[in-house]
Amino acid sequence: MYITNKIFVFKSKTDSTSKLLKEFISFVLARIFTLVVETAILYIGSEVLKVNDIIVKVIAQIVIIILNYILSKLWIFKKHVNK
């Protein structure tokens, strides 16, 4: 997913290995964060609120897709403006 997002979605260019590594580590950390968020949504929705598992999973997936995009756009693959 990192390569797909980097090349096709955000068209991110990196000019050094250190920037590439930083970008990749940021991507992994963001995905770990969204995994934790998804797990929390699934637990709270299914176990605490007793909502149907399929409905909770659909809601969780929608939230995670949006959150992954926002994190990628604003943090991982943000465009740097040279002044």
N, C-alpha and C. Protein backbone atom coordinates (compact mmCIF):
# COMPACT_ATOMS: atom_id res chain seq x y z
N MET A 1 0.82 -1.20 0.00
CA MET A 1 0.00 0.00 0.00
C MET A 1 0.86 1.26 0.00
N TYR A 2 2.01 1.18 0.65
CA TYR A 2 2.90 2.35 0.67
C TYR A 2 3.29 2.75 -0.77
N ILE A 3 3.71 1.78 -1.55
CA ILE A 3 4.15 2.06 -2.91
C ILE A 3 2.99 2.59 -3.76
N THR A 4 1.83 1.98 -3.63
CA THR A 4 0.66 2.44 -4.38
C THR A 4 0.31 3.87 -4.03
N ASN A 5 0.26 4.17 -2.73
CA ASN A 5 -0.06 5.54 -2.31
C ASN A 5 1.01 6.53 -2.75
N LYS A 6 2.26 6.15 -2.61
CA LYS A 6 3.37 7.04 -2.96
C LYS A 6 3.36 7.39 -4.44
N ILE A 7 3.24 6.38 -5.27
CA ILE A 7 3.37 6.58 -6.72
C ILE A 7 2.08 7.06 -7.38
N PHE A 8 0.98 6.37 -7.10
CA PHE A 8 -0.25 6.61 -7.87
C PHE A 8 -1.21 7.59 -7.22
N VAL A 9 -1.32 7.59 -5.90
CA VAL A 9 -2.31 8.44 -5.25
C VAL A 9 -1.76 9.83 -4.99
N PHE A 10 -0.61 9.91 -4.32
CA PHE A 10 -0.09 11.21 -3.91
C PHE A 10 1.08 11.70 -4.76
N LYS A 11 1.58 10.85 -5.66
CA LYS A 11 2.68 11.21 -6.57
C LYS A 11 3.83 11.87 -5.81
N SER A 12 4.22 11.24 -4.72
CA SER A 12 5.25 11.77 -3.85
C SER A 12 6.64 11.51 -4.42
N LYS A 13 7.46 12.53 -4.39
CA LYS A 13 8.85 12.42 -4.83
C LYS A 13 9.75 12.65 -3.63
N THR A 14 10.75 11.79 -3.47
CA THR A 14 11.74 11.98 -2.40
C THR A 14 13.12 12.04 -3.04
N ASP A 15 13.94 12.96 -2.54
CA ASP A 15 15.25 13.17 -3.15
C ASP A 15 16.40 12.59 -2.34
N SER A 16 16.07 11.86 -1.26
CA SER A 16 17.13 11.24 -0.48
C SER A 16 16.60 9.97 0.20
N THR A 17 17.53 9.12 0.52
CA THR A 17 17.18 7.88 1.20
C THR A 17 16.61 8.16 2.59
N SER A 18 17.14 9.15 3.27
CA SER A 18 16.66 9.47 4.62
C SER A 18 15.21 9.96 4.58
N LYS A 19 14.86 10.76 3.58
CA LYS A 19 13.47 11.23 3.44
C LYS A 19 12.54 10.08 3.09
N LEU A 20 13.01 9.18 2.25
CA LEU A 20 12.23 8.00 1.89
C LEU A 20 11.98 7.13 3.11
N LEU A 21 13.00 6.92 3.92
CA LEU A 21 12.87 6.12 5.13
C LEU A 21 11.92 6.78 6.12
N LYS A 22 12.04 8.09 6.28
CA LYS A 22 11.15 8.83 7.18
C LYS A 22 9.70 8.71 6.72
N GLU A 23 9.48 8.83 5.43
CA GLU A 23 8.15 8.72 4.85
C GLU A 23 7.58 7.33 5.09
N PHE A 24 8.41 6.30 4.87
CA PHE A 24 7.96 4.92 5.05
C PHE A 24 7.64 4.64 6.52
N ILE A 25 8.49 5.09 7.43
CA ILE A 25 8.24 4.88 8.86
C ILE A 25 6.97 5.61 9.29
N SER A 26 6.75 6.80 8.78
CA SER A 26 5.53 7.55 9.07
C SER A 26 4.30 6.77 8.59
N PHE A 27 4.42 6.18 7.42
CA PHE A 27 3.32 5.39 6.86
C PHE A 27 3.00 4.20 7.76
N VAL A 28 4.03 3.48 8.18
CA VAL A 28 3.83 2.31 9.04
C VAL A 28 3.21 2.73 10.38
N LEU A 29 3.72 3.81 10.97
CA LEU A 29 3.17 4.28 12.24
C LEU A 29 1.70 4.71 12.11
N ALA A 30 1.38 5.36 11.00
CA ALA A 30 -0.01 5.76 10.77
C ALA A 30 -0.91 4.54 10.64
N ARG A 31 -0.43 3.51 9.94
CA ARG A 31 -1.23 2.29 9.78
C ARG A 31 -1.40 1.54 11.10
N ILE A 32 -0.39 1.56 11.95
CA ILE A 32 -0.51 0.95 13.27
C ILE A 32 -1.55 1.72 14.09
N PHE A 33 -1.49 3.05 14.02
CA PHE A 33 -2.46 3.88 14.72
C PHE A 33 -3.89 3.56 14.27
N THR A 34 -4.11 3.47 12.94
CA THR A 34 -5.46 3.19 12.45
C THR A 34 -5.89 1.76 12.79
N LEU A 35 -4.95 0.85 12.92
CA LEU A 35 -5.29 -0.51 13.38
C LEU A 35 -5.82 -0.46 14.82
N VAL A 36 -5.18 0.33 15.65
CA VAL A 36 -5.63 0.48 17.04
C VAL A 36 -7.02 1.13 17.07
N VAL A 37 -7.22 2.15 16.25
CA VAL A 37 -8.53 2.81 16.17
C VAL A 37 -9.60 1.82 15.70
N GLU A 38 -9.28 1.04 14.68
CA GLU A 38 -10.24 0.05 14.18
C GLU A 38 -10.58 -0.98 15.24
N THR A 39 -9.58 -1.46 15.95
CA THR A 39 -9.81 -2.44 17.01
C THR A 39 -10.71 -1.85 18.09
N ALA A 40 -10.47 -0.60 18.45
CA ALA A 40 -11.30 0.07 19.46
C ALA A 40 -12.75 0.20 18.98
N ILE A 41 -12.93 0.60 17.73
CA ILE A 41 -14.28 0.74 17.18
C ILE A 41 -14.99 -0.62 17.20
N LEU A 42 -14.30 -1.66 16.76
CA LEU A 42 -14.91 -2.99 16.73
C LEU A 42 -15.26 -3.47 18.12
N TYR A 43 -14.38 -3.26 19.07
CA TYR A 43 -14.64 -3.71 20.45
C TYR A 43 -15.81 -2.94 21.05
N ILE A 44 -15.75 -1.62 20.95
CA ILE A 44 -16.82 -0.80 21.54
C ILE A 44 -18.17 -1.08 20.88
N GLY A 45 -18.16 -1.13 19.55
CA GLY A 45 -19.41 -1.37 18.83
C GLY A 45 -20.00 -2.74 19.08
N SER A 46 -19.18 -3.77 19.04
CA SER A 46 -19.68 -5.13 19.18
C SER A 46 -19.87 -5.57 20.63
N GLU A 47 -18.87 -5.33 21.45
CA GLU A 47 -18.90 -5.85 22.82
C GLU A 47 -19.61 -4.93 23.81
N VAL A 48 -19.39 -3.64 23.70
CA VAL A 48 -19.97 -2.71 24.66
C VAL A 48 -21.38 -2.29 24.25
N LEU A 49 -21.52 -1.84 23.00
CA LEU A 49 -22.83 -1.35 22.53
C LEU A 49 -23.72 -2.46 21.97
N LYS A 50 -23.16 -3.63 21.74
CA LYS A 50 -23.89 -4.80 21.23
C LYS A 50 -24.57 -4.56 19.88
N VAL A 51 -23.88 -3.81 19.01
CA VAL A 51 -24.37 -3.57 17.65
C VAL A 51 -23.98 -4.77 16.79
N ASN A 52 -24.75 -5.05 15.76
CA ASN A 52 -24.47 -6.14 14.84
C ASN A 52 -23.04 -6.04 14.32
N ASP A 53 -22.32 -7.17 14.32
CA ASP A 53 -20.91 -7.20 13.94
C ASP A 53 -20.66 -6.66 12.52
N ILE A 54 -21.52 -6.99 11.60
CA ILE A 54 -21.33 -6.55 10.21
C ILE A 54 -21.48 -5.03 10.10
N ILE A 55 -22.47 -4.48 10.79
CA ILE A 55 -22.67 -3.03 10.76
C ILE A 55 -21.48 -2.32 11.37
N VAL A 56 -20.98 -2.84 12.49
CA VAL A 56 -19.82 -2.25 13.14
C VAL A 56 -18.60 -2.32 12.22
N LYS A 57 -18.40 -3.43 11.55
CA LYS A 57 -17.26 -3.59 10.64
C LYS A 57 -17.34 -2.60 9.48
N VAL A 58 -18.52 -2.41 8.92
CA VAL A 58 -18.70 -1.46 7.81
C VAL A 58 -18.39 -0.04 8.29
N ILE A 59 -18.91 0.33 9.45
CA ILE A 59 -18.64 1.66 10.01
C ILE A 59 -17.15 1.82 10.27
N ALA A 60 -16.53 0.81 10.85
CA ALA A 60 -15.09 0.87 11.13
C ALA A 60 -14.29 1.04 9.85
N GLN A 61 -14.64 0.32 8.81
CA GLN A 61 -13.91 0.42 7.55
C GLN A 61 -14.04 1.81 6.93
N ILE A 62 -15.22 2.39 6.99
CA ILE A 62 -15.42 3.74 6.46
C ILE A 62 -14.55 4.73 7.23
N VAL A 63 -14.56 4.63 8.55
CA VAL A 63 -13.74 5.53 9.37
C VAL A 63 -12.26 5.35 9.06
N ILE A 64 -11.81 4.11 8.94
CA ILE A 64 -10.40 3.82 8.71
C ILE A 64 -9.95 4.29 7.33
N ILE A 65 -10.76 4.10 6.31
CA ILE A 65 -10.41 4.58 4.97
C ILE A 65 -10.23 6.09 4.98
N ILE A 66 -11.16 6.80 5.60
CA ILE A 66 -11.07 8.26 5.67
C ILE A 66 -9.86 8.68 6.49
N LEU A 67 -9.65 8.03 7.63
CA LEU A 67 -8.52 8.37 8.49
C LEU A 67 -7.18 8.09 7.80
N ASN A 68 -7.07 6.97 7.11
CA ASN A 68 -5.83 6.66 6.36
C ASN A 68 -5.56 7.72 5.30
N TYR A 69 -6.59 8.15 4.60
CA TYR A 69 -6.41 9.17 3.57
C TYR A 69 -5.95 10.49 4.19
N ILE A 70 -6.62 10.90 5.26
CA ILE A 70 -6.27 12.17 5.91
C ILE A 70 -4.84 12.13 6.43
N LEU A 71 -4.46 11.06 7.10
CA LEU A 71 -3.10 10.94 7.62
C LEU A 71 -2.08 10.95 6.48
N SER A 72 -2.39 10.26 5.40
CA SER A 72 -1.47 10.23 4.26
C SER A 72 -1.35 11.60 3.62
N LYS A 73 -2.45 12.27 3.44
CA LYS A 73 -2.46 13.57 2.76
C LYS A 73 -1.80 14.66 3.60
N LEU A 74 -2.09 14.70 4.89
CA LEU A 74 -1.63 15.81 5.73
C LEU A 74 -0.32 15.55 6.46
N TRP A 75 0.08 14.27 6.61
CA TRP A 75 1.26 13.98 7.41
C TRP A 75 2.34 13.24 6.61
N ILE A 76 1.99 12.17 5.95
CA ILE A 76 2.99 11.31 5.33
C ILE A 76 3.46 11.87 3.98
N PHE A 77 2.55 12.12 3.08
CA PHE A 77 2.89 12.55 1.72
C PHE A 77 2.60 14.02 1.48
N LYS A 78 2.66 14.84 2.53
CA LYS A 78 2.35 16.26 2.35
C LYS A 78 3.35 16.91 1.41
N LYS A 79 2.85 17.85 0.66
CA LYS A 79 3.68 18.60 -0.28
C LYS A 79 4.44 19.67 0.49
N HIS A 80 5.74 19.74 0.25
CA HIS A 80 6.55 20.77 0.88
C HIS A 80 6.68 21.94 -0.07
N VAL A 81 6.34 23.10 0.41
CA VAL A 81 6.42 24.31 -0.41
C VAL A 81 7.77 24.96 -0.17
N ASN A 82 8.51 25.17 -1.25
CA ASN A 82 9.81 25.84 -1.12
C ASN A 82 9.62 27.35 -1.24
N LYS A 83 10.15 28.06 -0.27
CA LYS A 83 10.03 29.52 -0.30
C LYS A 83 11.38 30.14 -0.37
